[in-house]
mmCIF file of all heavy atoms, coordinates in Angstrom:
data_MODEL
# 
_entry.id   MODEL 
# 
loop_
_atom_site.group_PDB 
_atom_site.id 
_atom_site.type_symbol 
_atom_site.label_atom_id 
_atom_site.label_alt_id 
_atom_site.label_comp_id 
_atom_site.label_asym_id 
_atom_site.label_entity_id 
_atom_site.label_seq_id 
_atom_site.pdbx_PDB_ins_code 
_atom_site.Cartn_x 
_atom_site.Cartn_y 
_atom_site.Cartn_z 
_atom_site.occupancy 
_atom_site.B_iso_or_equiv 
_atom_site.pdbx_formal_charge 
_atom_site.auth_seq_id 
_atom_site.auth_comp_id 
_atom_site.auth_asym_id 
_atom_site.auth_atom_id 
_atom_site.pdbx_PDB_model_num 
ATOM 1   N N   . GLN A 1 1  ? 20.066 78.133 109.126 1.00 0.00 ? 1  GLN A N   1 
ATOM 2   C CA  . GLN A 1 1  ? 19.621 79.523 109.082 1.00 0.00 ? 1  GLN A CA  1 
ATOM 3   C C   . GLN A 1 1  ? 18.455 79.741 110.038 1.00 0.00 ? 1  GLN A C   1 
ATOM 4   O O   . GLN A 1 1  ? 18.443 80.707 110.809 1.00 0.00 ? 1  GLN A O   1 
ATOM 5   C CB  . GLN A 1 1  ? 19.157 79.906 107.667 1.00 0.00 ? 1  GLN A CB  1 
ATOM 6   C CG  . GLN A 1 1  ? 20.234 80.036 106.636 1.00 0.00 ? 1  GLN A CG  1 
ATOM 7   C CD  . GLN A 1 1  ? 19.614 80.297 105.269 1.00 0.00 ? 1  GLN A CD  1 
ATOM 8   O OE1 . GLN A 1 1  ? 18.924 79.444 104.728 1.00 0.00 ? 1  GLN A OE1 1 
ATOM 9   N NE2 . GLN A 1 1  ? 19.876 81.471 104.743 1.00 0.00 ? 1  GLN A NE2 1 
ATOM 10  N N   . LEU A 1 2  ? 17.472 78.858 109.965 1.00 0.00 ? 2  LEU A N   1 
ATOM 11  C CA  . LEU A 1 2  ? 16.288 79.013 110.805 1.00 0.00 ? 2  LEU A CA  1 
ATOM 12  C C   . LEU A 1 2  ? 16.624 78.859 112.281 1.00 0.00 ? 2  LEU A C   1 
ATOM 13  O O   . LEU A 1 2  ? 16.059 79.555 113.123 1.00 0.00 ? 2  LEU A O   1 
ATOM 14  C CB  . LEU A 1 2  ? 15.204 78.028 110.381 1.00 0.00 ? 2  LEU A CB  1 
ATOM 15  C CG  . LEU A 1 2  ? 14.612 78.307 108.996 1.00 0.00 ? 2  LEU A CG  1 
ATOM 16  C CD1 . LEU A 1 2  ? 13.661 77.207 108.585 1.00 0.00 ? 2  LEU A CD1 1 
ATOM 17  C CD2 . LEU A 1 2  ? 13.920 79.659 108.957 1.00 0.00 ? 2  LEU A CD2 1 
ATOM 18  N N   . LYS A 1 3  ? 17.565 77.991 112.576 1.00 0.00 ? 3  LYS A N   1 
ATOM 19  C CA  . LYS A 1 3  ? 17.991 77.817 113.971 1.00 0.00 ? 3  LYS A CA  1 
ATOM 20  C C   . LYS A 1 3  ? 18.557 79.122 114.524 1.00 0.00 ? 3  LYS A C   1 
ATOM 21  O O   . LYS A 1 3  ? 18.330 79.468 115.683 1.00 0.00 ? 3  LYS A O   1 
ATOM 22  C CB  . LYS A 1 3  ? 19.028 76.694 114.066 1.00 0.00 ? 3  LYS A CB  1 
ATOM 23  C CG  . LYS A 1 3  ? 19.402 76.326 115.468 1.00 0.00 ? 3  LYS A CG  1 
ATOM 24  C CD  . LYS A 1 3  ? 20.359 75.147 115.475 1.00 0.00 ? 3  LYS A CD  1 
ATOM 25  C CE  . LYS A 1 3  ? 20.744 74.784 116.885 1.00 0.00 ? 3  LYS A CE  1 
ATOM 26  N NZ  . LYS A 1 3  ? 21.668 73.666 116.948 1.00 0.00 ? 3  LYS A NZ  1 
ATOM 27  N N   . ASP A 1 4  ? 19.285 79.851 113.672 1.00 0.00 ? 4  ASP A N   1 
ATOM 28  C CA  . ASP A 1 4  ? 19.888 81.123 114.090 1.00 0.00 ? 4  ASP A CA  1 
ATOM 29  C C   . ASP A 1 4  ? 18.901 82.293 114.069 1.00 0.00 ? 4  ASP A C   1 
ATOM 30  O O   . ASP A 1 4  ? 19.038 83.224 114.850 1.00 0.00 ? 4  ASP A O   1 
ATOM 31  C CB  . ASP A 1 4  ? 21.072 81.471 113.186 1.00 0.00 ? 4  ASP A CB  1 
ATOM 32  C CG  . ASP A 1 4  ? 22.251 80.525 113.368 1.00 0.00 ? 4  ASP A CG  1 
ATOM 33  O OD1 . ASP A 1 4  ? 22.336 79.871 114.428 1.00 0.00 ? 4  ASP A OD1 1 
ATOM 34  O OD2 . ASP A 1 4  ? 23.076 80.440 112.442 1.00 0.00 ? 4  ASP A OD2 1 
ATOM 35  N N   . LEU A 1 5  ? 17.931 82.253 113.163 1.00 0.00 ? 5  LEU A N   1 
ATOM 36  C CA  . LEU A 1 5  ? 17.077 83.415 112.925 1.00 0.00 ? 5  LEU A CA  1 
ATOM 37  C C   . LEU A 1 5  ? 15.690 83.350 113.553 1.00 0.00 ? 5  LEU A C   1 
ATOM 38  O O   . LEU A 1 5  ? 15.013 84.357 113.669 1.00 0.00 ? 5  LEU A O   1 
ATOM 39  C CB  . LEU A 1 5  ? 16.906 83.630 111.416 1.00 0.00 ? 5  LEU A CB  1 
ATOM 40  C CG  . LEU A 1 5  ? 18.184 83.917 110.630 1.00 0.00 ? 5  LEU A CG  1 
ATOM 41  C CD1 . LEU A 1 5  ? 17.899 83.926 109.140 1.00 0.00 ? 5  LEU A CD1 1 
ATOM 42  C CD2 . LEU A 1 5  ? 18.782 85.246 111.073 1.00 0.00 ? 5  LEU A CD2 1 
ATOM 43  N N   . LEU A 1 6  ? 15.255 82.154 113.948 1.00 0.00 ? 6  LEU A N   1 
ATOM 44  C CA  . LEU A 1 6  ? 13.893 81.972 114.434 1.00 0.00 ? 6  LEU A CA  1 
ATOM 45  C C   . LEU A 1 6  ? 13.916 81.493 115.883 1.00 0.00 ? 6  LEU A C   1 
ATOM 46  O O   . LEU A 1 6  ? 14.623 80.541 116.218 1.00 0.00 ? 6  LEU A O   1 
ATOM 47  C CB  . LEU A 1 6  ? 13.181 80.938 113.554 1.00 0.00 ? 6  LEU A CB  1 
ATOM 48  C CG  . LEU A 1 6  ? 11.681 80.767 113.702 1.00 0.00 ? 6  LEU A CG  1 
ATOM 49  C CD1 . LEU A 1 6  ? 10.949 82.058 113.334 1.00 0.00 ? 6  LEU A CD1 1 
ATOM 50  C CD2 . LEU A 1 6  ? 11.190 79.628 112.815 1.00 0.00 ? 6  LEU A CD2 1 
ATOM 51  N N   . SER A 1 7  ? 13.160 82.167 116.735 1.00 0.00 ? 7  SER A N   1 
ATOM 52  C CA  . SER A 1 7  ? 13.056 81.741 118.130 1.00 0.00 ? 7  SER A CA  1 
ATOM 53  C C   . SER A 1 7  ? 11.588 81.713 118.541 1.00 0.00 ? 7  SER A C   1 
ATOM 54  O O   . SER A 1 7  ? 10.721 82.226 117.834 1.00 0.00 ? 7  SER A O   1 
ATOM 55  C CB  . SER A 1 7  ? 13.854 82.677 119.044 1.00 0.00 ? 7  SER A CB  1 
ATOM 56  O OG  . SER A 1 7  ? 13.344 83.993 118.979 1.00 0.00 ? 7  SER A OG  1 
ATOM 57  N N   . PHE A 1 8  ? 11.349 81.107 119.697 1.00 0.00 ? 8  PHE A N   1 
ATOM 58  C CA  . PHE A 1 8  ? 9.984  80.911 120.177 1.00 0.00 ? 8  PHE A CA  1 
ATOM 59  C C   . PHE A 1 8  ? 9.869  81.378 121.618 1.00 0.00 ? 8  PHE A C   1 
ATOM 60  O O   . PHE A 1 8  ? 10.813 81.288 122.390 1.00 0.00 ? 8  PHE A O   1 
ATOM 61  C CB  . PHE A 1 8  ? 9.604  79.429 120.094 1.00 0.00 ? 8  PHE A CB  1 
ATOM 62  C CG  . PHE A 1 8  ? 9.766  78.846 118.720 1.00 0.00 ? 8  PHE A CG  1 
ATOM 63  C CD1 . PHE A 1 8  ? 10.902 78.125 118.386 1.00 0.00 ? 8  PHE A CD1 1 
ATOM 64  C CD2 . PHE A 1 8  ? 8.800  79.042 117.751 1.00 0.00 ? 8  PHE A CD2 1 
ATOM 65  C CE1 . PHE A 1 8  ? 11.067 77.595 117.118 1.00 0.00 ? 8  PHE A CE1 1 
ATOM 66  C CE2 . PHE A 1 8  ? 8.949  78.513 116.479 1.00 0.00 ? 8  PHE A CE2 1 
ATOM 67  C CZ  . PHE A 1 8  ? 10.084 77.786 116.163 1.00 0.00 ? 8  PHE A CZ  1 
ATOM 68  N N   . LYS A 1 9  ? 8.659  81.811 121.952 1.00 0.00 ? 9  LYS A N   1 
ATOM 69  C CA  . LYS A 1 9  ? 8.381  82.296 123.301 1.00 0.00 ? 9  LYS A CA  1 
ATOM 70  C C   . LYS A 1 9  ? 6.964  81.855 123.673 1.00 0.00 ? 9  LYS A C   1 
ATOM 71  O O   . LYS A 1 9  ? 6.095  81.745 122.805 1.00 0.00 ? 9  LYS A O   1 
ATOM 72  C CB  . LYS A 1 9  ? 8.487  83.828 123.300 1.00 0.00 ? 9  LYS A CB  1 
ATOM 73  C CG  . LYS A 1 9  ? 8.179  84.497 124.604 1.00 0.00 ? 9  LYS A CG  1 
ATOM 74  C CD  . LYS A 1 9  ? 8.316  86.001 124.459 1.00 0.00 ? 9  LYS A CD  1 
ATOM 75  C CE  . LYS A 1 9  ? 7.818  86.691 125.711 1.00 0.00 ? 9  LYS A CE  1 
ATOM 76  N NZ  . LYS A 1 9  ? 7.842  88.145 125.575 1.00 0.00 ? 9  LYS A NZ  1 
ATOM 77  N N   . GLY A 1 10 ? 6.736  81.599 124.935 1.00 0.00 ? 10 GLY A N   1 
ATOM 78  C CA  . GLY A 1 10 ? 5.392  81.303 125.414 1.00 0.00 ? 10 GLY A CA  1 
ATOM 79  C C   . GLY A 1 10 ? 4.856  79.948 124.996 1.00 0.00 ? 10 GLY A C   1 
ATOM 80  O O   . GLY A 1 10 ? 3.642  79.774 124.882 1.00 0.00 ? 10 GLY A O   1 
ATOM 81  N N   . LEU A 1 11 ? 5.757  78.988 124.774 1.00 0.00 ? 11 LEU A N   1 
ATOM 82  C CA  . LEU A 1 11 ? 5.330  77.658 124.350 1.00 0.00 ? 11 LEU A CA  1 
ATOM 83  C C   . LEU A 1 11 ? 4.885  76.818 125.537 1.00 0.00 ? 11 LEU A C   1 
ATOM 84  O O   . LEU A 1 11 ? 5.563  76.793 126.557 1.00 0.00 ? 11 LEU A O   1 
ATOM 85  C CB  . LEU A 1 11 ? 6.484  76.912 123.668 1.00 0.00 ? 11 LEU A CB  1 
ATOM 86  C CG  . LEU A 1 11 ? 7.033  77.461 122.365 1.00 0.00 ? 11 LEU A CG  1 
ATOM 87  C CD1 . LEU A 1 11 ? 8.211  76.614 121.917 1.00 0.00 ? 11 LEU A CD1 1 
ATOM 88  C CD2 . LEU A 1 11 ? 5.965  77.478 121.303 1.00 0.00 ? 11 LEU A CD2 1 
ATOM 89  N N   . ASN A 1 12 ? 3.765  76.113 125.362 1.00 0.00 ? 12 ASN A N   1 
ATOM 90  C CA  . ASN A 1 12 ? 3.455  75.070 126.331 1.00 0.00 ? 12 ASN A CA  1 
ATOM 91  C C   . ASN A 1 12 ? 4.011  73.761 125.761 1.00 0.00 ? 12 ASN A C   1 
ATOM 92  O O   . ASN A 1 12 ? 4.480  73.713 124.623 1.00 0.00 ? 12 ASN A O   1 
ATOM 93  C CB  . ASN A 1 12 ? 1.951  75.006 126.643 1.00 0.00 ? 12 ASN A CB  1 
ATOM 94  C CG  . ASN A 1 12 ? 1.104  74.650 125.440 1.00 0.00 ? 12 ASN A CG  1 
ATOM 95  O OD1 . ASN A 1 12 ? 1.495  73.860 124.582 1.00 0.00 ? 12 ASN A OD1 1 
ATOM 96  N ND2 . ASN A 1 12 ? -0.095 75.222 125.369 1.00 0.00 ? 12 ASN A ND2 1 
ATOM 97  N N   . ASP A 1 13 ? 3.964  72.703 126.545 1.00 0.00 ? 13 ASP A N   1 
ATOM 98  C CA  . ASP A 1 13 ? 4.563  71.432 126.116 1.00 0.00 ? 13 ASP A CA  1 
ATOM 99  C C   . ASP A 1 13 ? 3.934  70.894 124.837 1.00 0.00 ? 13 ASP A C   1 
ATOM 100 O O   . ASP A 1 13 ? 4.637  70.390 123.958 1.00 0.00 ? 13 ASP A O   1 
ATOM 101 C CB  . ASP A 1 13 ? 4.454  70.381 127.226 1.00 0.00 ? 13 ASP A CB  1 
ATOM 102 C CG  . ASP A 1 13 ? 5.364  70.685 128.405 1.00 0.00 ? 13 ASP A CG  1 
ATOM 103 O OD1 . ASP A 1 13 ? 6.292  71.505 128.258 1.00 0.00 ? 13 ASP A OD1 1 
ATOM 104 O OD2 . ASP A 1 13 ? 5.139  70.102 129.486 1.00 0.00 ? 13 ASP A OD2 1 
ATOM 105 N N   . ASP A 1 14 ? 2.615  70.991 124.720 1.00 0.00 ? 14 ASP A N   1 
ATOM 106 C CA  . ASP A 1 14 ? 1.918  70.465 123.546 1.00 0.00 ? 14 ASP A CA  1 
ATOM 107 C C   . ASP A 1 14 ? 2.360  71.182 122.265 1.00 0.00 ? 14 ASP A C   1 
ATOM 108 O O   . ASP A 1 14 ? 2.645  70.541 121.256 1.00 0.00 ? 14 ASP A O   1 
ATOM 109 C CB  . ASP A 1 14 ? 0.398  70.599 123.726 1.00 0.00 ? 14 ASP A CB  1 
ATOM 110 C CG  . ASP A 1 14 ? -0.376 70.010 122.566 1.00 0.00 ? 14 ASP A CG  1 
ATOM 111 O OD1 . ASP A 1 14 ? -0.146 68.833 122.236 1.00 0.00 ? 14 ASP A OD1 1 
ATOM 112 O OD2 . ASP A 1 14 ? -1.208 70.743 121.985 1.00 0.00 ? 14 ASP A OD2 1 
ATOM 113 N N   . ILE A 1 15 ? 2.455  72.491 122.327 1.00 0.00 ? 15 ILE A N   1 
ATOM 114 C CA  . ILE A 1 15 ? 2.870  73.259 121.145 1.00 0.00 ? 15 ILE A CA  1 
ATOM 115 C C   . ILE A 1 15 ? 4.327  72.967 120.819 1.00 0.00 ? 15 ILE A C   1 
ATOM 116 O O   . ILE A 1 15 ? 4.691  72.810 119.654 1.00 0.00 ? 15 ILE A O   1 
ATOM 117 C CB  . ILE A 1 15 ? 2.615  74.768 121.345 1.00 0.00 ? 15 ILE A CB  1 
ATOM 118 C CG1 . ILE A 1 15 ? 1.113  75.040 121.450 1.00 0.00 ? 15 ILE A CG1 1 
ATOM 119 C CG2 . ILE A 1 15 ? 3.224  75.577 120.193 1.00 0.00 ? 15 ILE A CG2 1 
ATOM 120 C CD1 . ILE A 1 15 ? 0.763  76.459 121.854 1.00 0.00 ? 15 ILE A CD1 1 
ATOM 121 N N   . ALA A 1 16 ? 5.170  72.871 121.829 1.00 0.00 ? 16 ALA A N   1 
ATOM 122 C CA  . ALA A 1 16 ? 6.593  72.563 121.597 1.00 0.00 ? 16 ALA A CA  1 
ATOM 123 C C   . ALA A 1 16 ? 6.756  71.215 120.904 1.00 0.00 ? 16 ALA A C   1 
ATOM 124 O O   . ALA A 1 16 ? 7.556  71.075 119.970 1.00 0.00 ? 16 ALA A O   1 
ATOM 125 C CB  . ALA A 1 16 ? 7.355  72.590 122.916 1.00 0.00 ? 16 ALA A CB  1 
ATOM 126 N N   . ILE A 1 17 ? 5.989  70.218 121.327 1.00 0.00 ? 17 ILE A N   1 
ATOM 127 C CA  . ILE A 1 17 ? 6.048  68.896 120.700 1.00 0.00 ? 17 ILE A CA  1 
ATOM 128 C C   . ILE A 1 17 ? 5.588  68.968 119.252 1.00 0.00 ? 17 ILE A C   1 
ATOM 129 O O   . ILE A 1 17 ? 6.203  68.375 118.359 1.00 0.00 ? 17 ILE A O   1 
ATOM 130 C CB  . ILE A 1 17 ? 5.198  67.883 121.503 1.00 0.00 ? 17 ILE A CB  1 
ATOM 131 C CG1 . ILE A 1 17 ? 5.894  67.584 122.835 1.00 0.00 ? 17 ILE A CG1 1 
ATOM 132 C CG2 . ILE A 1 17 ? 4.957  66.603 120.716 1.00 0.00 ? 17 ILE A CG2 1 
ATOM 133 C CD1 . ILE A 1 17 ? 5.016  66.853 123.843 1.00 0.00 ? 17 ILE A CD1 1 
ATOM 134 N N   . ARG A 1 18 ? 4.521  69.711 118.994 1.00 0.00 ? 18 ARG A N   1 
ATOM 135 C CA  . ARG A 1 18 ? 4.015  69.843 117.617 1.00 0.00 ? 18 ARG A CA  1 
ATOM 136 C C   . ARG A 1 18 ? 5.022  70.571 116.723 1.00 0.00 ? 18 ARG A C   1 
ATOM 137 O O   . ARG A 1 18 ? 5.220  70.205 115.567 1.00 0.00 ? 18 ARG A O   1 
ATOM 138 C CB  . ARG A 1 18 ? 2.673  70.564 117.602 1.00 0.00 ? 18 ARG A CB  1 
ATOM 139 C CG  . ARG A 1 18 ? 1.541  69.723 118.139 1.00 0.00 ? 18 ARG A CG  1 
ATOM 140 C CD  . ARG A 1 18 ? 0.213  70.492 118.082 1.00 0.00 ? 18 ARG A CD  1 
ATOM 141 N NE  . ARG A 1 18 ? -0.790 69.842 118.878 1.00 0.00 ? 18 ARG A NE  1 
ATOM 142 C CZ  . ARG A 1 18 ? -1.568 68.859 118.460 1.00 0.00 ? 18 ARG A CZ  1 
ATOM 143 N NH1 . ARG A 1 18 ? -1.449 68.417 117.231 1.00 0.00 ? 18 ARG A NH1 1 
ATOM 144 N NH2 . ARG A 1 18 ? -2.462 68.322 119.250 1.00 0.00 ? 18 ARG A NH2 1 
ATOM 145 N N   . ILE A 1 19 ? 5.662  71.597 117.246 1.00 0.00 ? 19 ILE A N   1 
ATOM 146 C CA  . ILE A 1 19 ? 6.678  72.321 116.472 1.00 0.00 ? 19 ILE A CA  1 
ATOM 147 C C   . ILE A 1 19 ? 7.834  71.383 116.134 1.00 0.00 ? 19 ILE A C   1 
ATOM 148 O O   . ILE A 1 19 ? 8.318  71.377 114.996 1.00 0.00 ? 19 ILE A O   1 
ATOM 149 C CB  . ILE A 1 19 ? 7.169  73.581 117.219 1.00 0.00 ? 19 ILE A CB  1 
ATOM 150 C CG1 . ILE A 1 19 ? 6.065  74.642 117.215 1.00 0.00 ? 19 ILE A CG1 1 
ATOM 151 C CG2 . ILE A 1 19 ? 8.451  74.123 116.594 1.00 0.00 ? 19 ILE A CG2 1 
ATOM 152 C CD1 . ILE A 1 19 ? 6.369  75.857 118.059 1.00 0.00 ? 19 ILE A CD1 1 
ATOM 153 N N   . LYS A 1 20 ? 8.268  70.592 117.084 1.00 0.00 ? 20 LYS A N   1 
ATOM 154 C CA  . LYS A 1 20 ? 9.347  69.633 116.836 1.00 0.00 ? 20 LYS A CA  1 
ATOM 155 C C   . LYS A 1 20 ? 8.949  68.644 115.752 1.00 0.00 ? 20 LYS A C   1 
ATOM 156 O O   . LYS A 1 20 ? 9.714  68.367 114.821 1.00 0.00 ? 20 LYS A O   1 
ATOM 157 C CB  . LYS A 1 20 ? 9.688  68.902 118.138 1.00 0.00 ? 20 LYS A CB  1 
ATOM 158 C CG  . LYS A 1 20 ? 10.676 67.769 117.993 1.00 0.00 ? 20 LYS A CG  1 
ATOM 159 C CD  . LYS A 1 20 ? 12.095 68.276 117.950 1.00 0.00 ? 20 LYS A CD  1 
ATOM 160 C CE  . LYS A 1 20 ? 13.068 67.115 118.077 1.00 0.00 ? 20 LYS A CE  1 
ATOM 161 N NZ  . LYS A 1 20 ? 13.880 66.921 116.908 1.00 0.00 ? 20 LYS A NZ  1 
ATOM 162 N N   . LYS A 1 21 ? 7.734  68.137 115.816 1.00 0.00 ? 21 LYS A N   1 
ATOM 163 C CA  . LYS A 1 21 ? 7.241  67.184 114.816 1.00 0.00 ? 21 LYS A CA  1 
ATOM 164 C C   . LYS A 1 21 ? 7.181  67.833 113.436 1.00 0.00 ? 21 LYS A C   1 
ATOM 165 O O   . LYS A 1 21 ? 7.616  67.250 112.441 1.00 0.00 ? 21 LYS A O   1 
ATOM 166 C CB  . LYS A 1 21 ? 5.848  66.687 115.214 1.00 0.00 ? 21 LYS A CB  1 
ATOM 167 C CG  . LYS A 1 21 ? 5.312  65.583 114.321 1.00 0.00 ? 21 LYS A CG  1 
ATOM 168 C CD  . LYS A 1 21 ? 3.923  65.144 114.755 1.00 0.00 ? 21 LYS A CD  1 
ATOM 169 C CE  . LYS A 1 21 ? 4.002  64.447 116.096 1.00 0.00 ? 21 LYS A CE  1 
ATOM 170 N NZ  . LYS A 1 21 ? 2.712  63.866 116.516 1.00 0.00 ? 21 LYS A NZ  1 
ATOM 171 N N   . VAL A 1 22 ? 6.671  69.055 113.365 1.00 0.00 ? 22 VAL A N   1 
ATOM 172 C CA  . VAL A 1 22 ? 6.557  69.778 112.092 1.00 0.00 ? 22 VAL A CA  1 
ATOM 173 C C   . VAL A 1 22 ? 7.935  70.066 111.508 1.00 0.00 ? 22 VAL A C   1 
ATOM 174 O O   . VAL A 1 22 ? 8.164  69.867 110.313 1.00 0.00 ? 22 VAL A O   1 
ATOM 175 C CB  . VAL A 1 22 ? 5.743  71.078 112.276 1.00 0.00 ? 22 VAL A CB  1 
ATOM 176 C CG1 . VAL A 1 22 ? 5.930  72.034 111.112 1.00 0.00 ? 22 VAL A CG1 1 
ATOM 177 C CG2 . VAL A 1 22 ? 4.262  70.751 112.461 1.00 0.00 ? 22 VAL A CG2 1 
ATOM 178 N N   . THR A 1 23 ? 8.872  70.516 112.330 1.00 0.00 ? 23 THR A N   1 
ATOM 179 C CA  . THR A 1 23 ? 10.197 70.850 111.800 1.00 0.00 ? 23 THR A CA  1 
ATOM 180 C C   . THR A 1 23 ? 10.938 69.592 111.349 1.00 0.00 ? 23 THR A C   1 
ATOM 181 O O   . THR A 1 23 ? 11.587 69.607 110.304 1.00 0.00 ? 23 THR A O   1 
ATOM 182 C CB  . THR A 1 23 ? 11.047 71.634 112.814 1.00 0.00 ? 23 THR A CB  1 
ATOM 183 O OG1 . THR A 1 23 ? 11.168 70.896 114.026 1.00 0.00 ? 23 THR A OG1 1 
ATOM 184 C CG2 . THR A 1 23 ? 10.438 72.996 113.108 1.00 0.00 ? 23 THR A CG2 1 
ATOM 185 N N   . ASP A 1 24 ? 10.835 68.510 112.109 1.00 0.00 ? 24 ASP A N   1 
ATOM 186 C CA  . ASP A 1 24 ? 11.491 67.264 111.704 1.00 0.00 ? 24 ASP A CA  1 
ATOM 187 C C   . ASP A 1 24 ? 10.942 66.771 110.365 1.00 0.00 ? 24 ASP A C   1 
ATOM 188 O O   . ASP A 1 24 ? 11.708 66.375 109.477 1.00 0.00 ? 24 ASP A O   1 
ATOM 189 C CB  . ASP A 1 24 ? 11.304 66.178 112.767 1.00 0.00 ? 24 ASP A CB  1 
ATOM 190 C CG  . ASP A 1 24 ? 12.123 66.429 114.023 1.00 0.00 ? 24 ASP A CG  1 
ATOM 191 O OD1 . ASP A 1 24 ? 12.995 67.321 114.009 1.00 0.00 ? 24 ASP A OD1 1 
ATOM 192 O OD2 . ASP A 1 24 ? 11.877 65.722 115.022 1.00 0.00 ? 24 ASP A OD2 1 
ATOM 193 N N   . THR A 1 25 ? 9.636  66.802 110.221 1.00 0.00 ? 25 THR A N   1 
ATOM 194 C CA  . THR A 1 25 ? 9.010  66.350 108.975 1.00 0.00 ? 25 THR A CA  1 
ATOM 195 C C   . THR A 1 25 ? 9.363  67.269 107.814 1.00 0.00 ? 25 THR A C   1 
ATOM 196 O O   . THR A 1 25 ? 9.665  66.802 106.712 1.00 0.00 ? 25 THR A O   1 
ATOM 197 C CB  . THR A 1 25 ? 7.476  66.270 109.140 1.00 0.00 ? 25 THR A CB  1 
ATOM 198 O OG1 . THR A 1 25 ? 7.179  65.388 110.223 1.00 0.00 ? 25 THR A OG1 1 
ATOM 199 C CG2 . THR A 1 25 ? 6.810  65.759 107.872 1.00 0.00 ? 25 THR A CG2 1 
ATOM 200 N N   . ALA A 1 26 ? 9.357  68.571 108.049 1.00 0.00 ? 26 ALA A N   1 
ATOM 201 C CA  . ALA A 1 26 ? 9.678  69.530 106.980 1.00 0.00 ? 26 ALA A CA  1 
ATOM 202 C C   . ALA A 1 26 ? 11.118 69.357 106.498 1.00 0.00 ? 26 ALA A C   1 
ATOM 203 O O   . ALA A 1 26 ? 11.379 69.424 105.293 1.00 0.00 ? 26 ALA A O   1 
ATOM 204 C CB  . ALA A 1 26 ? 9.461  70.957 107.474 1.00 0.00 ? 26 ALA A CB  1 
ATOM 205 N N   . LYS A 1 27 ? 12.036 69.115 107.414 1.00 0.00 ? 27 LYS A N   1 
ATOM 206 C CA  . LYS A 1 27 ? 13.435 68.900 107.033 1.00 0.00 ? 27 LYS A CA  1 
ATOM 207 C C   . LYS A 1 27 ? 13.555 67.691 106.106 1.00 0.00 ? 27 LYS A C   1 
ATOM 208 O O   . LYS A 1 27 ? 14.240 67.745 105.079 1.00 0.00 ? 27 LYS A O   1 
ATOM 209 C CB  . LYS A 1 27 ? 14.311 68.691 108.270 1.00 0.00 ? 27 LYS A CB  1 
ATOM 210 C CG  . LYS A 1 27 ? 14.520 69.933 109.086 1.00 0.00 ? 27 LYS A CG  1 
ATOM 211 C CD  . LYS A 1 27 ? 15.274 69.589 110.365 1.00 0.00 ? 27 LYS A CD  1 
ATOM 212 C CE  . LYS A 1 27 ? 15.230 70.704 111.370 1.00 0.00 ? 27 LYS A CE  1 
ATOM 213 N NZ  . LYS A 1 27 ? 15.905 70.326 112.620 1.00 0.00 ? 27 LYS A NZ  1 
# 
């Protein structure tokens, strides 16, 4: 659901890496 409903804009590499880490851990 979140993959379909949530998107991101204006990410730098550091924020993108942190988002990936947070989403992997939350799953």
